[in-house]
Amino acid sequence: MIYQHFPHENHKEYLHKRTNKLENLTGDSPIYISDNNIIFFLLTKSGGVKDQLKGTINKYKRHYPKLIAGNVFYNRV
């Protein structure tokens, strides 16, 4: 998990740039969740763990709809 405050730039552009860089460095796209002030990027080598993280973040986002999440399938779980 990587924790980061948003820099002073467009948040949507920053998320796109940072997730692309992490994917290039690791070979896999990160899962991320943000409250628009801070971001948590989650990476794992295990497909099973990644699926569990997606499900957990998906459930959490349902309770807090203002959160921004990526690489999460909202129609699952």
Protein backbone atom coordinates (compact mmCIF):
# COMPACT_ATOMS: atom_id res chain seq x y z
CA MET A 1 0.00 0.00 0.00
CA ILE A 2 1.20 3.47 -0.89
CA TYR A 3 -0.27 6.46 0.92
CA GLN A 4 -0.02 9.87 -0.69
CA HIS A 5 -1.49 13.36 -0.44
CA PHE A 6 -2.66 14.84 -3.72
CA PRO A 7 -0.14 17.32 -5.14
CA HIS A 8 -1.29 20.77 -6.25
CA GLU A 9 -2.43 19.70 -9.71
CA ASN A 10 -5.57 18.37 -11.36
CA HIS A 11 -6.55 15.27 -9.36
CA LYS A 12 -7.98 13.32 -12.28
CA GLU A 13 -4.87 13.92 -14.41
CA TYR A 14 -2.60 13.07 -11.48
CA LEU A 15 -4.42 9.77 -10.80
CA HIS A 16 -4.11 8.82 -14.46
CA LYS A 17 -0.40 9.70 -14.55
CA ARG A 18 0.43 7.96 -11.25
CA THR A 19 -1.54 4.75 -11.95
CA ASN A 20 0.13 4.49 -15.38
CA LYS A 21 3.57 4.92 -13.80
CA LEU A 22 2.85 2.31 -11.13
CA GLU A 23 1.57 -0.09 -13.79
CA ASN A 24 4.72 0.44 -15.87
CA LEU A 25 6.93 -0.16 -12.82
CA THR A 26 5.10 -3.24 -11.52
CA GLY A 27 3.45 -4.79 -14.57
CA ASP A 28 0.00 -4.56 -12.98
CA SER A 29 -2.49 -1.74 -12.51
CA PRO A 30 -2.96 -0.63 -8.92
CA ILE A 31 -6.24 -0.44 -7.09
CA TYR A 32 -6.74 3.00 -5.61
CA ILE A 33 -9.18 4.76 -3.35
CA SER A 34 -9.26 8.44 -2.46
CA ASP A 35 -11.30 10.98 -0.53
CA ASN A 36 -9.99 13.67 -2.91
CA ASN A 37 -7.35 14.74 -0.37
CA ILE A 38 -5.31 11.58 0.06
CA ILE A 39 -4.90 8.46 -2.07
CA PHE A 40 -4.20 4.87 -1.16
CA PHE A 41 -2.66 2.78 -3.95
CA LEU A 42 -2.84 -0.98 -3.39
CA LEU A 43 -0.68 -3.51 -5.22
CA THR A 44 -0.42 -7.26 -4.80
CA LYS A 45 1.18 -10.18 -6.61
CA SER A 46 -1.75 -12.47 -5.85
CA GLY A 47 -4.80 -12.42 -8.12
CA GLY A 48 -6.92 -13.82 -5.29
CA VAL A 49 -5.84 -11.09 -2.89
CA LYS A 50 -6.44 -8.47 -5.58
CA ASP A 51 -9.99 -9.75 -6.07
CA GLN A 52 -10.58 -9.58 -2.30
CA LEU A 53 -9.25 -6.01 -2.19
CA LYS A 54 -11.54 -5.01 -5.05
CA GLY A 55 -14.52 -6.49 -3.23
CA THR A 56 -13.62 -4.82 0.06
CA ILE A 57 -13.12 -1.41 -1.53
CA ASN A 58 -16.32 -1.82 -3.53
CA LYS A 59 -18.29 -2.47 -0.33
CA TYR A 60 -16.61 0.44 1.44
CA LYS A 61 -17.35 2.81 -1.44
CA ARG A 62 -21.05 1.94 -1.30
CA HIS A 63 -21.17 3.38 2.23
CA TYR A 64 -19.12 6.46 1.27
CA PRO A 65 -20.17 7.38 -2.28
CA LYS A 66 -18.00 10.52 -2.39
CA LEU A 67 -14.87 8.36 -2.47
CA ILE A 68 -13.00 7.95 -5.74
CA ALA A 69 -11.91 4.39 -6.51
CA GLY A 70 -10.23 2.83 -9.49
CA ASN A 71 -9.59 -0.62 -10.88
CA VAL A 72 -12.68 -1.76 -8.99
CA PHE A 73 -15.65 -3.39 -10.65
CA TYR A 74 -18.73 -1.80 -9.09
CA ASN A 75 -21.18 -4.30 -10.55
CA ARG A 76 -19.48 -7.16 -8.71
CA VAL A 77 -19.89 -8.33 -5.09
